Amino acid sequence: RHVVVIGGGLAGTAAAVLLAERGVEVTLVEREVYLGGRAGAW
């Protein structure tokens, strides 16, 4: 299965990590050029 996770902050990263660890194909879409969302840095 293929899941698109929209948002690369803590919530989206947690979802992407767990799905990928179970063998799911994941695309993580993030508006910024860096991950982290409101806990990110640039």
PDB file of all heavy atoms in Angstrom:
ATOM      1  N   ARG A   1       0.835  -1.196   0.000  1.00  0.00           N
ATOM      2  CA  ARG A   1       0.000   0.000   0.000  1.00  0.00           C
ATOM      3  C   ARG A   1       0.871   1.247   0.000  1.00  0.00           C
ATOM      4  O   ARG A   1       1.993   1.245   0.520  1.00  0.00           O
ATOM      5  CB  ARG A   1      -0.900   0.002   1.237  1.00  0.00           C
ATOM      6  CG  ARG A   1      -1.784  -1.226   1.385  1.00  0.00           C
ATOM      7  CD  ARG A   1      -2.795  -1.335   0.256  1.00  0.00           C
ATOM      8  NE  ARG A   1      -3.726  -2.433   0.457  1.00  0.00           N
ATOM      9  CZ  ARG A   1      -5.056  -2.290   0.474  1.00  0.00           C
ATOM     10  NH1 ARG A   1      -5.592  -1.106   0.273  1.00  0.00           N
ATOM     11  NH2 ARG A   1      -5.826  -3.337   0.650  1.00  0.00           N
ATOM     12  N   HIS A   2       0.314   2.314  -0.547  1.00  0.00           N
ATOM     13  CA  HIS A   2       1.036   3.580  -0.610  1.00  0.00           C
ATOM     14  C   HIS A   2       0.235   4.627   0.149  1.00  0.00           C
ATOM     15  O   HIS A   2      -0.958   4.830  -0.114  1.00  0.00           O
ATOM     16  CB  HIS A   2       1.227   4.012  -2.064  1.00  0.00           C
ATOM     17  CG  HIS A   2       1.984   5.298  -2.212  1.00  0.00           C
ATOM     18  ND1 HIS A   2       1.907   6.079  -3.346  1.00  0.00           N
ATOM     19  CD2 HIS A   2       2.833   5.951  -1.375  1.00  0.00           C
ATOM     20  CE1 HIS A   2       2.677   7.142  -3.195  1.00  0.00           C
ATOM     21  NE2 HIS A   2       3.239   7.088  -2.003  1.00  0.00           N
ATOM     22  N   VAL A   3       0.886   5.292   1.112  1.00  0.00           N
ATOM     23  CA  VAL A   3       0.261   6.340   1.916  1.00  0.00           C
ATOM     24  C   VAL A   3       1.004   7.641   1.687  1.00  0.00           C
ATOM     25  O   VAL A   3       2.239   7.677   1.714  1.00  0.00           O
ATOM     26  CB  VAL A   3       0.279   5.985   3.416  1.00  0.00           C
ATOM     27  CG1 VAL A   3      -0.298   7.130   4.247  1.00  0.00           C
ATOM     28  CG2 VAL A   3      -0.502   4.692   3.671  1.00  0.00           C
ATOM     29  N   VAL A   4       0.261   8.710   1.473  1.00  0.00           N
ATOM     30  CA  VAL A   4       0.849  10.043   1.458  1.00  0.00           C
ATOM     31  C   VAL A   4       0.584  10.693   2.805  1.00  0.00           C
ATOM     32  O   VAL A   4      -0.558  10.802   3.243  1.00  0.00           O
ATOM     33  CB  VAL A   4       0.270  10.916   0.322  1.00  0.00           C
ATOM     34  CG1 VAL A   4       0.746  12.368   0.472  1.00  0.00           C
ATOM     35  CG2 VAL A   4       0.697  10.380  -1.035  1.00  0.00           C
ATOM     36  N   VAL A   5       1.651  11.081   3.473  1.00  0.00           N
ATOM     37  CA  VAL A   5       1.564  11.819   4.726  1.00  0.00           C
ATOM     38  C   VAL A   5       1.818  13.285   4.406  1.00  0.00           C
ATOM     39  O   VAL A   5       2.878  13.637   3.886  1.00  0.00           O
ATOM     40  CB  VAL A   5       2.599  11.312   5.755  1.00  0.00           C
ATOM     41  CG1 VAL A   5       2.522  12.140   7.031  1.00  0.00           C
ATOM     42  CG2 VAL A   5       2.375   9.832   6.058  1.00  0.00           C
ATOM     43  N   ILE A   6       0.838  14.114   4.678  1.00  0.00           N
ATOM     44  CA  ILE A   6       0.953  15.549   4.393  1.00  0.00           C
ATOM     45  C   ILE A   6       1.322  16.256   5.691  1.00  0.00           C
ATOM     46  O   ILE A   6       0.537  16.307   6.632  1.00  0.00           O
ATOM     47  CB  ILE A   6      -0.359  16.111   3.825  1.00  0.00           C
ATOM     48  CG1 ILE A   6      -0.770  15.348   2.560  1.00  0.00           C
ATOM     49  CG2 ILE A   6      -0.213  17.599   3.516  1.00  0.00           C
ATOM     50  CD1 ILE A   6      -2.127  15.764   2.016  1.00  0.00           C
ATOM     51  N   GLY A   7       2.533  16.775   5.736  1.00  0.00           N
ATOM     52  CA  GLY A   7       3.021  17.455   6.923  1.00  0.00           C
ATOM     53  C   GLY A   7       4.197  16.728   7.537  1.00  0.00           C
ATOM     54  O   GLY A   7       4.076  15.567   7.926  1.00  0.00           O
ATOM     55  N   GLY A   8       5.343  17.412   7.635  1.00  0.00           N
ATOM     56  CA  GLY A   8       6.560  16.786   8.124  1.00  0.00           C
ATOM     57  C   GLY A   8       6.960  17.206   9.517  1.00  0.00           C
ATOM     58  O   GLY A   8       8.145  17.173   9.854  1.00  0.00           O
ATOM     59  N   GLY A   9       5.977  17.596  10.346  1.00  0.00           N
ATOM     60  CA  GLY A   9       6.276  17.882  11.744  1.00  0.00           C
ATOM     61  C   GLY A   9       6.307  16.606  12.559  1.00  0.00           C
ATOM     62  O   GLY A   9       6.425  15.498  12.026  1.00  0.00           O
ATOM     63  N   LEU A  10       6.183  16.738  13.871  1.00  0.00           N
ATOM     64  CA  LEU A  10       6.226  15.573  14.743  1.00  0.00           C
ATOM     65  C   LEU A  10       5.122  14.583  14.421  1.00  0.00           C
ATOM     66  O   LEU A  10       5.352  13.369  14.377  1.00  0.00           O
ATOM     67  CB  LEU A  10       6.139  16.009  16.202  1.00  0.00           C
ATOM     68  CG  LEU A  10       7.411  16.610  16.795  1.00  0.00           C
ATOM     69  CD1 LEU A  10       7.104  17.334  18.100  1.00  0.00           C
ATOM     70  CD2 LEU A  10       8.474  15.544  17.007  1.00  0.00           C
ATOM     71  N   ALA A  11       3.898  15.067  14.193  1.00  0.00           N
ATOM     72  CA  ALA A  11       2.780  14.174  13.917  1.00  0.00           C
ATOM     73  C   ALA A  11       2.986  13.413  12.618  1.00  0.00           C
ATOM     74  O   ALA A  11       2.844  12.187  12.561  1.00  0.00           O
ATOM     75  CB  ALA A  11       1.470  14.970  13.876  1.00  0.00           C
ATOM     76  N   GLY A  12       3.321  14.133  11.553  1.00  0.00           N
ATOM     77  CA  GLY A  12       3.506  13.476  10.268  1.00  0.00           C
ATOM     78  C   GLY A  12       4.709  12.556  10.249  1.00  0.00           C
ATOM     79  O   GLY A  12       4.659  11.467   9.664  1.00  0.00           O
ATOM     80  N   THR A  13       5.788  12.972  10.904  1.00  0.00           N
ATOM     81  CA  THR A  13       6.975  12.122  10.949  1.00  0.00           C
ATOM     82  C   THR A  13       6.697  10.844  11.717  1.00  0.00           C
ATOM     83  O   THR A  13       7.113   9.750  11.304  1.00  0.00           O
ATOM     84  CB  THR A  13       8.146  12.884  11.593  1.00  0.00           C
ATOM     85  OG1 THR A  13       8.431  14.043  10.805  1.00  0.00           O
ATOM     86  CG2 THR A  13       9.382  12.012  11.675  1.00  0.00           C
ATOM     87  N   ALA A  14       5.993  10.943  12.851  1.00  0.00           N
ATOM     88  CA  ALA A  14       5.655   9.745  13.620  1.00  0.00           C
ATOM     89  C   ALA A  14       4.835   8.781  12.775  1.00  0.00           C
ATOM     90  O   ALA A  14       5.074   7.565  12.775  1.00  0.00           O
ATOM     91  CB  ALA A  14       4.897  10.130  14.885  1.00  0.00           C
ATOM     92  N   ALA A  15       3.858   9.302  12.040  1.00  0.00           N
ATOM     93  CA  ALA A  15       3.040   8.447  11.188  1.00  0.00           C
ATOM     94  C   ALA A  15       3.880   7.809  10.089  1.00  0.00           C
ATOM     95  O   ALA A  15       3.774   6.601   9.825  1.00  0.00           O
ATOM     96  CB  ALA A  15       1.896   9.264  10.578  1.00  0.00           C
ATOM     97  N   ALA A  16       4.736   8.603   9.446  1.00  0.00           N
ATOM     98  CA  ALA A  16       5.564   8.080   8.354  1.00  0.00           C
ATOM     99  C   ALA A  16       6.530   7.011   8.852  1.00  0.00           C
ATOM    100  O   ALA A  16       6.728   5.979   8.193  1.00  0.00           O
ATOM    101  CB  ALA A  16       6.327   9.229   7.696  1.00  0.00           C
ATOM    102  N   VAL A  17       7.129   7.236  10.009  1.00  0.00           N
ATOM    103  CA  VAL A  17       8.079   6.271  10.571  1.00  0.00           C
ATOM    104  C   VAL A  17       7.401   4.933  10.810  1.00  0.00           C
ATOM    105  O   VAL A  17       7.901   3.873  10.391  1.00  0.00           O
ATOM    106  CB  VAL A  17       8.679   6.828  11.882  1.00  0.00           C
ATOM    107  CG1 VAL A  17       9.286   5.706  12.722  1.00  0.00           C
ATOM    108  CG2 VAL A  17       9.736   7.885  11.584  1.00  0.00           C
ATOM    109  N   LEU A  18       6.267   4.939  11.479  1.00  0.00           N
ATOM    110  CA  LEU A  18       5.603   3.684  11.834  1.00  0.00           C
ATOM    111  C   LEU A  18       5.098   2.956  10.596  1.00  0.00           C
ATOM    112  O   LEU A  18       5.231   1.726  10.485  1.00  0.00           O
ATOM    113  CB  LEU A  18       4.459   3.963  12.815  1.00  0.00           C
ATOM    114  CG  LEU A  18       3.768   2.748  13.410  1.00  0.00           C
ATOM    115  CD1 LEU A  18       4.751   1.757  13.997  1.00  0.00           C
ATOM    116  CD2 LEU A  18       2.762   3.193  14.480  1.00  0.00           C
ATOM    117  N   LEU A  19       4.518   3.687   9.649  1.00  0.00           N
ATOM    118  CA  LEU A  19       4.038   3.046   8.423  1.00  0.00           C
ATOM    119  C   LEU A  19       5.191   2.418   7.648  1.00  0.00           C
ATOM    120  O   LEU A  19       5.097   1.280   7.177  1.00  0.00           O
ATOM    121  CB  LEU A  19       3.314   4.079   7.559  1.00  0.00           C
ATOM    122  CG  LEU A  19       1.958   4.555   8.064  1.00  0.00           C
ATOM    123  CD1 LEU A  19       1.510   5.800   7.308  1.00  0.00           C
ATOM    124  CD2 LEU A  19       0.902   3.455   7.936  1.00  0.00           C
ATOM    125  N   ALA A  20       6.288   3.156   7.510  1.00  0.00           N
ATOM    126  CA  ALA A  20       7.431   2.637   6.753  1.00  0.00           C
ATOM    127  C   ALA A  20       8.036   1.422   7.440  1.00  0.00           C
ATOM    128  O   ALA A  20       8.478   0.474   6.775  1.00  0.00           O
ATOM    129  CB  ALA A  20       8.469   3.736   6.573  1.00  0.00           C
ATOM    130  N   GLU A  21       8.071   1.430   8.755  1.00  0.00           N
ATOM    131  CA  GLU A  21       8.622   0.285   9.486  1.00  0.00           C
ATOM    132  C   GLU A  21       7.785  -0.978   9.292  1.00  0.00           C
ATOM    133  O   GLU A  21       8.292  -2.080   9.479  1.00  0.00           O
ATOM    134  CB  GLU A  21       8.726   0.620  10.975  1.00  0.00           C
ATOM    135  CG  GLU A  21       9.824   1.625  11.287  1.00  0.00           C
ATOM    136  CD  GLU A  21       9.810   2.091  12.730  1.00  0.00           C
ATOM    137  OE1 GLU A  21       8.781   1.870  13.427  1.00  0.00           O
ATOM    138  OE2 GLU A  21      10.802   2.694  13.166  1.00  0.00           O
ATOM    139  N   ARG A  22       6.526  -0.811   8.913  1.00  0.00           N
ATOM    140  CA  ARG A  22       5.658  -1.961   8.653  1.00  0.00           C
ATOM    141  C   ARG A  22       5.640  -2.334   7.171  1.00  0.00           C
ATOM    142  O   ARG A  22       4.826  -3.144   6.742  1.00  0.00           O
ATOM    143  CB  ARG A  22       4.233  -1.671   9.134  1.00  0.00           C
ATOM    144  CG  ARG A  22       4.103  -1.465  10.632  1.00  0.00           C
ATOM    145  CD  ARG A  22       4.469  -2.731  11.405  1.00  0.00           C
ATOM    146  NE  ARG A  22       4.188  -2.582  12.827  1.00  0.00           N
ATOM    147  CZ  ARG A  22       5.059  -2.146  13.727  1.00  0.00           C
ATOM    148  NH1 ARG A  22       6.290  -1.806  13.336  1.00  0.00           N
ATOM    149  NH2 ARG A  22       4.731  -2.052  15.002  1.00  0.00           N
ATOM    150  N   GLY A  23       6.500  -1.716   6.380  1.00  0.00           N
ATOM    151  CA  GLY A  23       6.606  -2.073   4.974  1.00  0.00           C
ATOM    152  C   GLY A  23       5.687  -1.330   4.046  1.00  0.00           C
ATOM    153  O   GLY A  23       5.589  -1.662   2.856  1.00  0.00           O
ATOM    154  N   VAL A  24       4.997  -0.297   4.552  1.00  0.00           N
ATOM    155  CA  VAL A  24       4.107   0.504   3.704  1.00  0.00           C
ATOM    156  C   VAL A  24       4.949   1.509   2.915  1.00  0.00           C
ATOM    157  O   VAL A  24       5.910   2.090   3.427  1.00  0.00           O
ATOM    158  CB  VAL A  24       3.071   1.244   4.572  1.00  0.00           C
ATOM    159  CG1 VAL A  24       2.189   2.156   3.721  1.00  0.00           C
ATOM    160  CG2 VAL A  24       2.218   0.247   5.357  1.00  0.00           C
ATOM    161  N   GLU A  25       4.602   1.687   1.654  1.00  0.00           N
ATOM    162  CA  GLU A  25       5.252   2.717   0.841  1.00  0.00           C
ATOM    163  C   GLU A  25       4.721   4.080   1.275  1.00  0.00           C
ATOM    164  O   GLU A  25       3.508   4.294   1.337  1.00  0.00           O
ATOM    165  CB  GLU A  25       4.948   2.483  -0.636  1.00  0.00           C
ATOM    166  CG  GLU A  25       5.646   3.469  -1.562  1.00  0.00           C
ATOM    167  CD  GLU A  25       5.268   3.248  -3.021  1.00  0.00           C
ATOM    168  OE1 GLU A  25       4.544   2.282  -3.309  1.00  0.00           O
ATOM    169  OE2 GLU A  25       5.696   4.060  -3.862  1.00  0.00           O
ATOM    170  N   VAL A  26       5.616   5.010   1.583  1.00  0.00           N
ATOM    171  CA  VAL A  26       5.224   6.303   2.142  1.00  0.00           C
ATOM    172  C   VAL A  26       5.864   7.430   1.349  1.00  0.00           C
ATOM    173  O   VAL A  26       7.058   7.393   1.036  1.00  0.00           O
ATOM    174  CB  VAL A  26       5.643   6.426   3.619  1.00  0.00           C
ATOM    175  CG1 VAL A  26       5.280   7.812   4.167  1.00  0.00           C
ATOM    176  CG2 VAL A  26       4.999   5.339   4.470  1.00  0.00           C
ATOM    177  N   THR A  27       5.043   8.428   1.025  1.00  0.00           N
ATOM    178  CA  THR A  27       5.553   9.703   0.522  1.00  0.00           C
ATOM    179  C   THR A  27       5.209  10.767   1.549  1.00  0.00           C
ATOM    180  O   THR A  27       4.039  10.931   1.921  1.00  0.00           O
ATOM    181  CB  THR A  27       4.919  10.070  -0.829  1.00  0.00           C
ATOM    182  OG1 THR A  27       5.258   9.076  -1.805  1.00  0.00           O
ATOM    183  CG2 THR A  27       5.419  11.425  -1.306  1.00  0.00           C
ATOM    184  N   LEU A  28       6.210  11.460   2.036  1.00  0.00           N
ATOM    185  CA  LEU A  28       6.032  12.512   3.029  1.00  0.00           C
ATOM    186  C   LEU A  28       6.135  13.862   2.335  1.00  0.00           C
ATOM    187  O   LEU A  28       7.178  14.209   1.777  1.00  0.00           O
ATOM    188  CB  LEU A  28       7.095  12.383   4.124  1.00  0.00           C
ATOM    189  CG  LEU A  28       7.078  13.407   5.257  1.00  0.00           C
ATOM    190  CD1 LEU A  28       5.753  13.377   6.001  1.00  0.00           C
ATOM    191  CD2 LEU A  28       8.236  13.160   6.212  1.00  0.00           C
ATOM    192  N   VAL A  29       5.047  14.617   2.341  1.00  0.00           N
ATOM    193  CA  VAL A  29       4.977  15.910   1.665  1.00  0.00           C
ATOM    194  C   VAL A  29       5.091  17.018   2.711  1.00  0.00           C
ATOM    195  O   VAL A  29       4.306  17.054   3.673  1.00  0.00           O
ATOM    196  CB  VAL A  29       3.656  16.058   0.885  1.00  0.00           C
ATOM    197  CG1 VAL A  29       3.572  17.442   0.236  1.00  0.00           C
ATOM    198  CG2 VAL A  29       3.542  14.969  -0.173  1.00  0.00           C
ATOM    199  N   GLU A  30       6.042  17.896   2.541  1.00  0.00           N
ATOM    200  CA  GLU A  30       6.262  18.988   3.491  1.00  0.00           C
ATOM    201  C   GLU A  30       6.429  20.302   2.742  1.00  0.00           C
ATOM    202  O   GLU A  30       7.239  20.409   1.829  1.00  0.00           O
ATOM    203  CB  GLU A  30       7.499  18.707   4.349  1.00  0.00           C
ATOM    204  CG  GLU A  30       8.003  19.871   5.175  1.00  0.00           C
ATOM    205  CD  GLU A  30       6.928  20.498   6.059  1.00  0.00           C
ATOM    206  OE1 GLU A  30       6.208  19.747   6.752  1.00  0.00           O
ATOM    207  OE2 GLU A  30       6.798  21.738   6.042  1.00  0.00           O
ATOM    208  N   ARG A  31       5.634  21.293   3.142  1.00  0.00           N
ATOM    209  CA  ARG A  31       5.658  22.596   2.475  1.00  0.00           C
ATOM    210  C   ARG A  31       7.015  23.289   2.588  1.00  0.00           C
ATOM    211  O   ARG A  31       7.487  23.922   1.631  1.00  0.00           O
ATOM    212  CB  ARG A  31       4.567  23.487   3.072  1.00  0.00           C
ATOM    213  CG  ARG A  31       4.518  24.895   2.480  1.00  0.00           C
ATOM    214  CD  ARG A  31       3.389  25.690   3.112  1.00  0.00           C
ATOM    215  NE  ARG A  31       3.543  25.788   4.558  1.00  0.00           N
ATOM    216  CZ  ARG A  31       2.638  26.321   5.364  1.00  0.00           C
ATOM    217  NH1 ARG A  31       1.503  26.761   4.877  1.00  0.00           N
ATOM    218  NH2 ARG A  31       2.871  26.397   6.662  1.00  0.00           N
ATOM    219  N   GLU A  32       7.647  23.205   3.764  1.00  0.00           N
ATOM    220  CA  GLU A  32       8.942  23.842   3.957  1.00  0.00           C
ATOM    221  C   GLU A  32      10.048  22.973   3.340  1.00  0.00           C
ATOM    222  O   GLU A  32       9.826  21.809   3.011  1.00  0.00           O
ATOM    223  CB  GLU A  32       9.222  24.046   5.445  1.00  0.00           C
ATOM    224  CG  GLU A  32       8.167  24.843   6.184  1.00  0.00           C
ATOM    225  CD  GLU A  32       8.093  26.299   5.751  1.00  0.00           C
ATOM    226  OE1 GLU A  32       9.027  26.762   5.064  1.00  0.00           O
ATOM    227  OE2 GLU A  32       7.104  26.971   6.100  1.00  0.00           O
ATOM    228  N   VAL A  33      11.222  23.544   3.226  1.00  0.00           N
ATOM    229  CA  VAL A  33      12.353  22.787   2.678  1.00  0.00           C
ATOM    230  C   VAL A  33      13.036  21.967   3.764  1.00  0.00           C
ATOM    231  O   VAL A  33      14.011  21.259   3.496  1.00  0.00           O
ATOM    232  CB  VAL A  33      13.376  23.722   2.002  1.00  0.00           C
ATOM    233  CG1 VAL A  33      12.746  24.403   0.802  1.00  0.00           C
ATOM    234  CG2 VAL A  33      13.912  24.755   2.992  1.00  0.00           C
ATOM    235  N   TYR A  34      12.571  22.059   4.978  1.00  0.00           N
ATOM    236  CA  TYR A  34      13.118  21.309   6.106  1.00  0.00           C
ATOM    237  C   TYR A  34      11.980  20.600   6.833  1.00  0.00           C
ATOM    238  O   TYR A  34      10.818  21.023   6.773  1.00  0.00           O
ATOM    239  CB  TYR A  34      13.858  22.235   7.079  1.00  0.00           C
ATOM    240  CG  TYR A  34      12.995  23.383   7.587  1.00  0.00           C
ATOM    241  CD1 TYR A  34      12.180  23.241   8.715  1.00  0.00           C
ATOM    242  CD2 TYR A  34      12.979  24.612   6.930  1.00  0.00           C
ATOM    243  CE1 TYR A  34      11.381  24.274   9.162  1.00  0.00           C
ATOM    244  CE2 TYR A  34      12.181  25.657   7.367  1.00  0.00           C
ATOM    245  CZ  TYR A  34      11.382  25.477   8.497  1.00  0.00           C
ATOM    246  OH  TYR A  34      10.588  26.505   8.937  1.00  0.00           O
ATOM    247  N   LEU A  35      12.305  19.508   7.519  1.00  0.00           N
ATOM    248  CA  LEU A  35      11.327  18.800   8.334  1.00  0.00           C
ATOM    249  C   LEU A  35      11.238  19.442   9.722  1.00  0.00           C
ATOM    250  O   LEU A  35      12.084  20.235  10.117  1.00  0.00           O
ATOM    251  CB  LEU A  35      11.718  17.332   8.480  1.00  0.00           C
ATOM    252  CG  LEU A  35      11.738  16.479   7.207  1.00  0.00           C
ATOM    253  CD1 LEU A  35      12.118  15.045   7.549  1.00  0.00           C
ATOM    254  CD2 LEU A  35      10.396  16.522   6.488  1.00  0.00           C
ATOM    255  N   GLY A  36      10.198  19.075  10.449  1.00  0.00           N
ATOM    256  CA  GLY A  36      10.085  19.508  11.836  1.00  0.00           C
ATOM    257  C   GLY A  36       8.854  20.310  12.155  1.00  0.00           C
ATOM    258  O   GLY A  36       8.447  20.385  13.315  1.00  0.00           O
ATOM    259  N   GLY A  37       8.243  20.955  11.148  1.00  0.00           N
ATOM    260  CA  GLY A  37       7.059  21.749  11.441  1.00  0.00           C
ATOM    261  C   GLY A  37       7.368  22.826  12.462  1.00  0.00           C
ATOM    262  O   GLY A  37       8.371  23.538  12.377  1.00  0.00           O
ATOM    263  N   ARG A  38       6.514  22.907  13.490  1.00  0.00           N
ATOM    264  CA  ARG A  38       6.709  23.931  14.521  1.00  0.00           C
ATOM    265  C   ARG A  38       7.857  23.602  15.467  1.00  0.00           C
ATOM    266  O   ARG A  38       8.200  24.425  16.317  1.00  0.00           O
ATOM    267  CB  ARG A  38       5.406  24.135  15.298  1.00  0.00           C
ATOM    268  CG  ARG A  38       4.407  24.986  14.517  1.00  0.00           C
ATOM    269  CD  ARG A  38       3.096  25.114  15.242  1.00  0.00           C
ATOM    270  NE  ARG A  38       2.303  23.895  15.095  1.00  0.00           N
ATOM    271  CZ  ARG A  38       1.354  23.523  15.937  1.00  0.00           C
ATOM    272  NH1 ARG A  38       1.105  24.234  17.021  1.00  0.00           N
ATOM    273  NH2 ARG A  38       0.662  22.433  15.715  1.00  0.00           N
ATOM    274  N   ALA A  39       8.434  22.420  15.331  1.00  0.00           N
ATOM    275  CA  ALA A  39       9.642  22.065  16.083  1.00  0.00           C
ATOM    276  C   ALA A  39      10.852  21.995  15.160  1.00  0.00           C
ATOM    277  O   ALA A  39      11.863  21.387  15.505  1.00  0.00           O
ATOM    278  CB  ALA A  39       9.452  20.730  16.802  1.00  0.00           C
ATOM    279  N   GLY A  40      10.761  22.606  14.004  1.00  0.00           N
ATOM    280  CA  GLY A  40      11.842  22.574  13.036  1.00  0.00           C
ATOM    281  C   GLY A  40      12.830  23.706  13.231  1.00  0.00           C
ATOM    282  O   GLY A  40      12.701  24.539  14.132  1.00  0.00           O
ATOM    283  N   ALA A  41      13.848  23.738  12.387  1.00  0.00           N
ATOM    284  CA  ALA A  41      14.852  24.800  12.421  1.00  0.00           C
ATOM    285  C   ALA A  41      15.390  25.005  11.020  1.00  0.00           C
ATOM    286  O   ALA A  41      15.385  24.088  10.200  1.00  0.00           O
ATOM    287  CB  ALA A  41      15.986  24.437  13.381  1.00  0.00           C
ATOM    288  N   TRP A  42      15.851  26.201  10.758  1.00  0.00           N
ATOM    289  CA  TRP A  42      16.346  26.543   9.434  1.00  0.00           C
ATOM    290  C   TRP A  42      17.577  27.430   9.584  1.00  0.00           C
ATOM    291  O   TRP A  42      17.789  28.060  10.615  1.00  0.00           O
ATOM    292  CB  TRP A  42      15.265  27.256   8.622  1.00  0.00           C
ATOM    293  CG  TRP A  42      14.757  28.516   9.272  1.00  0.00           C
ATOM    294  CD1 TRP A  42      15.172  29.791   9.037  1.00  0.00           C
ATOM    295  CD2 TRP A  42      13.737  28.613  10.295  1.00  0.00           C
ATOM    296  NE1 TRP A  42      14.493  30.680   9.819  1.00  0.00           N
ATOM    297  CE2 TRP A  42      13.606  29.991  10.602  1.00  0.00           C
ATOM    298  CE3 TRP A  42      12.946  27.681  10.959  1.00  0.00           C
ATOM    299  CZ2 TRP A  42      12.700  30.439  11.568  1.00  0.00           C
ATOM    300  CZ3 TRP A  42      12.044  28.130  11.920  1.00  0.00           C
ATOM    301  CH2 TRP A  42      11.926  29.491  12.209  1.00  0.00           C
TER     302      TRP A  42
END
